[in-house]
Amino acid sequence: MHCRRNRLKTAVLIGLLSAIILLVGSSFGSEGLQIAVILSFGLGAWAYFNSHLLALRAMRARPLGEFEAPMLHWIVRELSNKARQPMPRLYLSPTEAPNAFATGRDPRTAVICCTDGLLRQLNERELRAVLAHELAHIRYRDTLLSSVAAALAAFVIFLANLAWLVSVDRDDAGDGEDGDAPGAMGGLLLMVLGPLAAVLIQMAVSRSREYRADAFAVRLTGDPAALASALRKLDAGSHDLPLPPEPRLKVAGHLMIVDPFHSDGPLDRIFSTHPSVADRIARLERLAP
């Protein structure tokens, strides 16, 4: 059921990406529309097959060999066998804040990325619980939906910036004539609304996926206390070492096990792609024997 729903949402997001491209292309006439049709197919295919690369590049992640982290590979292999799903590849991000995320089109192309901070701060039980949580996202195909949402968010931000640059260029070419002011204003509006649109797109990825992944991790490890302890450490780490709210990182933040930007304001909570860590811990504590 979850997999089917995620596939449907993925198709809707790819359709939305194509619609945005066609809308922009049509504003340039018939030739622009023809180019947009080609681009919509090309970018739609890219979003489906390669969108998972966005988060890995944003986090400057690299493949993590088994000789570098034998215990990590052993844990993931054991959990994958227990869950009866393919073992994902492991990547490492040189980031101090403790966090982790899974990405990939399907279980056979999946990747789990851990940060340096995660490997240093968590003990073996906590690490096992976090990895089980990420395996859940792979199992339920959350990774494809989240990766496509990241690609769409990145494209919206790119379009907003491009529109602003084009409108400013036209304004300069018009020597400051009043007729060009609406174009510049429109570009400025897109510049403001672009990041907001990207956040709204990311909200298409349901917050309930984290509760579902937490529950799966508990079933797989039988250790709710370890996951609760890990979430406390990760939440504290994101508070002490939040990621900078750069566009390239914003499109990857919703993939992570806890909010890497540690948004505390009321509006931040409304637009957050993650449920409250306190709520997640409370649910886990109710599962503890």
Protein backbone atom coordinates (compact mmCIF):
# COMPACT_ATOMS: atom_id res chain seq x y z
CA MET A 1 0.00 0.00 0.00
CA HIS A 2 2.72 2.49 1.00
CA CYS A 3 4.81 1.59 -2.06
CA ARG A 4 1.84 2.04 -4.42
CA ARG A 5 0.97 5.41 -2.89
CA ASN A 6 4.57 6.60 -3.16
CA ARG A 7 4.74 5.55 -6.82
CA LEU A 8 1.57 7.55 -7.51
CA LYS A 9 2.96 10.62 -5.72
CA THR A 10 6.20 10.26 -7.68
CA ALA A 11 4.28 10.22 -10.96
CA VAL A 12 2.37 13.34 -9.89
CA LEU A 13 5.61 15.16 -9.02
CA ILE A 14 7.21 14.24 -12.35
CA GLY A 15 4.02 15.40 -14.07
CA LEU A 16 4.23 18.68 -12.17
CA LEU A 17 7.84 19.11 -13.25
CA SER A 18 6.82 18.58 -16.89
CA ALA A 19 3.92 21.02 -16.53
CA ILE A 20 6.20 23.74 -15.17
CA ILE A 21 8.62 23.25 -18.07
CA LEU A 22 5.80 23.35 -20.64
CA LEU A 23 4.32 26.47 -19.04
CA VAL A 24 7.64 28.28 -19.17
CA GLY A 25 8.30 27.10 -22.73
CA SER A 26 4.88 28.21 -23.99
CA SER A 27 5.62 31.77 -22.88
CA PHE A 28 8.32 31.88 -25.58
CA GLY A 29 5.99 30.88 -28.42
CA SER A 30 5.73 27.72 -30.51
CA GLU A 31 9.49 27.18 -30.75
CA GLY A 32 9.82 27.52 -27.00
CA LEU A 33 7.01 25.02 -26.51
CA GLN A 34 8.69 22.49 -28.81
CA ILE A 35 11.93 22.80 -26.86
CA ALA A 36 9.98 22.52 -23.61
CA VAL A 37 8.37 19.25 -24.73
CA ILE A 38 11.83 17.75 -25.32
CA LEU A 39 13.12 19.14 -22.02
CA SER A 40 10.11 17.85 -20.09
CA PHE A 41 10.73 14.29 -21.29
CA GLY A 42 14.47 14.58 -20.68
CA LEU A 43 14.24 16.12 -17.22
CA GLY A 44 11.39 13.80 -16.24
CA ALA A 45 13.54 10.79 -17.12
CA TRP A 46 16.52 12.33 -15.32
CA ALA A 47 14.42 12.98 -12.21
CA TYR A 48 13.32 9.33 -12.16
CA PHE A 49 16.70 7.72 -12.79
CA ASN A 50 19.25 10.17 -11.32
CA SER A 51 17.55 12.53 -8.86
CA HIS A 52 19.14 10.67 -5.93
CA LEU A 53 22.50 12.13 -6.96
CA LEU A 54 21.38 15.63 -5.92
CA ALA A 55 21.47 14.92 -2.20
CA LEU A 56 24.78 13.05 -2.38
CA ARG A 57 26.40 15.93 -4.26
CA ALA A 58 24.86 18.53 -1.96
CA MET A 59 26.36 16.74 1.04
CA ARG A 60 29.68 16.15 -0.78
CA ALA A 61 29.31 12.46 -0.04
CA ARG A 62 31.68 9.78 -1.29
CA PRO A 63 31.47 5.97 -1.41
CA LEU A 64 32.51 4.35 1.87
CA GLY A 65 34.51 1.17 1.37
CA GLU A 66 34.12 -1.84 3.62
CA PHE A 67 37.78 -1.66 4.61
CA GLU A 68 37.16 1.87 5.99
CA ALA A 69 34.12 0.99 8.09
CA PRO A 70 33.84 -2.80 8.49
CA MET A 71 31.45 -2.62 11.45
CA LEU A 72 29.08 -0.30 9.57
CA HIS A 73 28.99 -2.64 6.58
CA TRP A 74 28.49 -5.65 8.85
CA ILE A 75 25.51 -4.00 10.58
CA VAL A 76 23.87 -2.97 7.30
CA ARG A 77 24.42 -6.42 5.79
CA GLU A 78 22.93 -8.13 8.84
CA LEU A 79 19.89 -5.82 8.93
CA SER A 80 19.35 -6.12 5.17
CA ASN A 81 19.39 -9.91 5.37
CA LYS A 82 16.97 -9.83 8.28
CA ALA A 83 14.65 -7.49 6.34
CA ARG A 84 15.07 -9.64 3.21
CA GLN A 85 16.04 -6.73 0.99
CA PRO A 86 19.20 -5.94 -1.01
CA MET A 87 22.07 -4.34 0.88
CA PRO A 88 22.37 -0.66 -0.08
CA ARG A 89 25.65 1.02 -0.90
CA LEU A 90 27.16 3.16 1.86
CA TYR A 91 28.35 6.75 1.47
CA LEU A 92 30.06 9.15 3.87
CA SER A 93 29.51 12.91 4.10
CA PRO A 94 32.29 15.04 5.68
CA THR A 95 29.77 16.86 7.88
CA GLU A 96 30.21 17.41 11.61
CA ALA A 97 26.49 17.40 12.41
CA PRO A 98 25.28 13.84 13.11
CA ASN A 99 22.69 12.77 10.55
CA ALA A 100 21.87 10.13 7.95
CA PHE A 101 19.63 9.67 4.94
CA ALA A 102 18.70 7.11 2.33
CA THR A 103 18.23 7.80 -1.34
CA GLY A 104 17.88 5.87 -4.59
CA ARG A 105 15.33 4.79 -7.16
CA ASP A 106 14.61 1.35 -5.67
CA PRO A 107 16.16 -1.15 -3.24
CA ARG A 108 18.70 -2.32 -5.84
CA THR A 109 20.04 1.20 -6.49
CA ALA A 110 19.66 2.49 -2.94
CA VAL A 111 22.29 4.35 -0.94
CA ILE A 112 22.54 5.10 2.77
CA CYS A 113 24.67 8.15 3.57
CA CYS A 114 26.04 8.78 7.06
CA THR A 115 27.84 11.89 8.23
CA ASP A 116 31.18 11.93 10.03
CA GLY A 117 29.41 13.26 13.11
CA LEU A 118 26.98 10.34 13.15
CA LEU A 119 29.73 7.72 13.13
CA ARG A 120 31.62 9.51 15.90
CA GLN A 121 28.74 10.22 18.26
CA LEU A 122 26.57 7.10 18.17
CA ASN A 123 27.33 3.79 19.81
CA GLU A 124 26.72 0.47 18.04
CA ARG A 125 23.14 0.02 19.30
CA GLU A 126 22.17 3.55 18.28
CA LEU A 127 23.87 3.19 14.91
CA ARG A 128 22.03 -0.06 14.26
CA ALA A 129 18.69 1.63 15.05
CA VAL A 130 19.40 4.56 12.69
CA LEU A 131 20.45 2.25 9.86
CA ALA A 132 17.30 0.16 10.35
CA HIS A 133 15.27 3.36 10.08
CA GLU A 134 16.94 4.21 6.77
CA LEU A 135 16.35 0.69 5.45
CA ALA A 136 12.64 1.29 6.08
CA HIS A 137 12.66 4.31 3.76
CA ILE A 138 14.23 2.13 1.07
CA ARG A 139 11.74 -0.69 1.65
CA TYR A 140 8.69 1.59 1.35
CA ARG A 141 10.07 3.46 -1.70
CA ASP A 142 10.19 6.72 0.25
CA THR A 143 13.60 7.28 -1.31
CA LEU A 144 12.33 7.65 -4.88
CA LEU A 145 9.56 10.05 -3.88
CA SER A 146 11.90 12.13 -1.72
CA SER A 147 14.59 12.25 -4.41
CA VAL A 148 12.14 13.38 -7.10
CA ALA A 149 10.75 16.01 -4.69
CA ALA A 150 14.32 17.24 -4.19
CA ALA A 151 14.84 17.44 -7.96
CA LEU A 152 11.60 19.38 -8.43
CA ALA A 153 12.50 21.76 -5.59
CA ALA A 154 15.93 22.36 -7.12
CA PHE A 155 14.35 23.06 -10.51
CA VAL A 156 11.85 25.56 -9.05
CA ILE A 157 14.68 27.40 -7.28
CA PHE A 158 16.69 27.42 -10.53
CA LEU A 159 13.71 28.81 -12.48
CA ALA A 160 13.17 31.54 -9.89
CA ASN A 161 16.79 32.63 -10.08
CA LEU A 162 16.79 32.46 -13.88
CA ALA A 163 13.62 34.56 -14.12
CA TRP A 164 15.18 37.17 -11.87
CA LEU A 165 18.35 37.33 -13.97
CA VAL A 166 16.42 37.59 -17.24
CA SER A 167 14.14 40.33 -15.92
CA VAL A 168 17.08 42.33 -14.61
CA ASP A 169 18.87 41.95 -17.94
CA ARG A 170 15.79 43.20 -19.80
CA ASP A 171 15.46 46.10 -17.39
CA ASP A 172 19.08 47.10 -18.03
CA ALA A 173 18.63 46.77 -21.79
CA GLY A 174 15.59 49.06 -21.63
CA ASP A 175 17.66 51.83 -20.02
CA GLY A 176 15.34 51.99 -17.04
CA GLU A 177 12.11 52.57 -18.99
CA ASP A 178 8.93 52.14 -16.98
CA GLY A 179 7.73 49.41 -19.31
CA ASP A 180 10.40 47.07 -18.05
CA ALA A 181 9.63 47.59 -14.36
CA PRO A 182 6.92 44.89 -14.23
CA GLY A 183 9.38 42.37 -15.62
CA ALA A 184 11.92 43.15 -12.94
CA MET A 185 9.22 43.09 -10.27
CA GLY A 186 7.96 39.75 -11.55
CA GLY A 187 11.45 38.34 -11.45
CA LEU A 188 11.90 39.61 -7.90
CA LEU A 189 8.60 38.02 -6.91
CA LEU A 190 9.72 34.70 -8.35
CA MET A 191 13.00 35.05 -6.48
CA VAL A 192 11.03 35.32 -3.23
CA LEU A 193 8.42 32.67 -4.02
CA GLY A 194 10.83 30.13 -5.50
CA PRO A 195 12.22 28.86 -2.19
CA LEU A 196 8.71 28.87 -0.70
CA ALA A 197 7.44 26.78 -3.60
CA ALA A 198 10.33 24.39 -3.08
CA VAL A 199 9.38 23.95 0.57
CA LEU A 200 5.75 23.31 -0.36
CA ILE A 201 6.88 20.68 -2.85
CA GLN A 202 8.95 18.98 -0.17
CA MET A 203 5.88 18.97 2.09
CA ALA A 204 4.31 16.62 -0.45
CA VAL A 205 6.56 14.08 1.21
CA SER A 206 4.41 13.08 4.18
CA ARG A 207 5.79 13.54 7.69
CA SER A 208 4.18 10.22 8.62
CA ARG A 209 6.98 8.46 6.74
CA GLU A 210 9.28 9.10 9.72
CA TYR A 211 6.86 7.50 12.19
CA ARG A 212 6.49 4.53 9.84
CA ALA A 213 10.26 4.16 9.48
CA ASP A 214 10.71 4.41 13.26
CA ALA A 215 8.18 1.61 13.78
CA PHE A 216 9.90 -0.57 11.18
CA ALA A 217 13.28 0.02 12.84
CA VAL A 218 11.86 -1.13 16.17
CA ARG A 219 10.44 -4.30 14.60
CA LEU A 220 13.77 -5.01 12.91
CA THR A 221 16.03 -4.35 15.90
CA GLY A 222 13.68 -4.92 18.84
CA ASP A 223 15.36 -1.94 20.52
CA PRO A 224 13.15 1.20 20.71
CA ALA A 225 15.33 2.66 23.46
CA ALA A 226 18.35 2.72 21.14
CA LEU A 227 16.49 4.66 18.45
CA ALA A 228 15.10 7.10 21.02
CA SER A 229 18.61 7.68 22.37
CA ALA A 230 19.95 8.18 18.84
CA LEU A 231 17.24 10.73 18.02
CA ARG A 232 18.10 12.72 21.16
CA LYS A 233 21.75 12.89 20.09
CA LEU A 234 20.89 13.77 16.50
CA ASP A 235 18.47 16.49 17.58
CA ALA A 236 21.07 17.99 19.91
CA GLY A 237 23.65 17.78 17.14
CA SER A 238 21.45 19.63 14.65
CA HIS A 239 20.85 22.31 17.30
CA ASP A 240 24.57 22.76 18.01
CA LEU A 241 25.75 22.30 14.41
CA PRO A 242 22.86 23.16 12.07
CA LEU A 243 23.46 23.06 8.35
CA PRO A 244 23.47 26.49 6.67
CA PRO A 245 20.11 27.12 4.92
CA GLU A 246 21.65 27.18 1.45
CA PRO A 247 19.45 26.21 -1.53
CA ARG A 248 21.66 23.23 -2.42
CA LEU A 249 21.29 21.87 1.12
CA LYS A 250 17.62 22.79 1.48
CA VAL A 251 16.70 20.36 -1.30
CA ALA A 252 18.37 17.53 0.65
CA GLY A 253 17.21 18.35 4.17
CA HIS A 254 13.89 16.51 3.96
CA LEU A 255 15.72 13.23 3.27
CA MET A 256 17.49 13.19 6.63
CA ILE A 257 16.41 11.36 9.76
CA VAL A 258 16.12 14.64 11.72
CA ASP A 259 15.76 18.21 10.50
CA PRO A 260 19.37 19.32 9.84
CA PHE A 261 18.47 23.03 10.06
CA HIS A 262 16.85 22.79 13.51
CA SER A 263 13.95 25.14 12.77
CA ASP A 264 12.32 26.31 16.01
CA GLY A 265 9.93 29.12 15.02
CA PRO A 266 6.14 28.62 14.67
CA LEU A 267 6.27 29.11 10.89
CA ASP A 268 9.24 26.77 10.67
CA ARG A 269 7.22 24.07 12.41
CA ILE A 270 4.32 24.58 9.99
CA PHE A 271 6.56 24.18 6.94
CA SER A 272 8.78 21.50 8.45
CA THR A 273 9.21 18.27 6.51
CA HIS A 274 9.87 16.37 9.75
CA PRO A 275 7.62 15.58 12.71
CA SER A 276 8.71 16.73 16.16
CA VAL A 277 11.61 14.69 17.55
CA ALA A 278 9.95 14.87 20.98
CA ASP A 279 6.80 13.24 19.54
CA ARG A 280 8.85 10.52 17.88
CA ILE A 281 10.71 9.78 21.10
CA ALA A 282 7.45 9.66 23.07
CA ARG A 283 6.06 7.08 20.64
CA LEU A 284 9.23 5.01 20.92
CA GLU A 285 9.17 5.13 24.72
CA ARG A 286 5.64 3.73 24.69
CA LEU A 287 6.99 0.76 22.73
CA ALA A 288 9.78 0.07 25.23
CA PRO A 289 9.25 -3.01 27.44
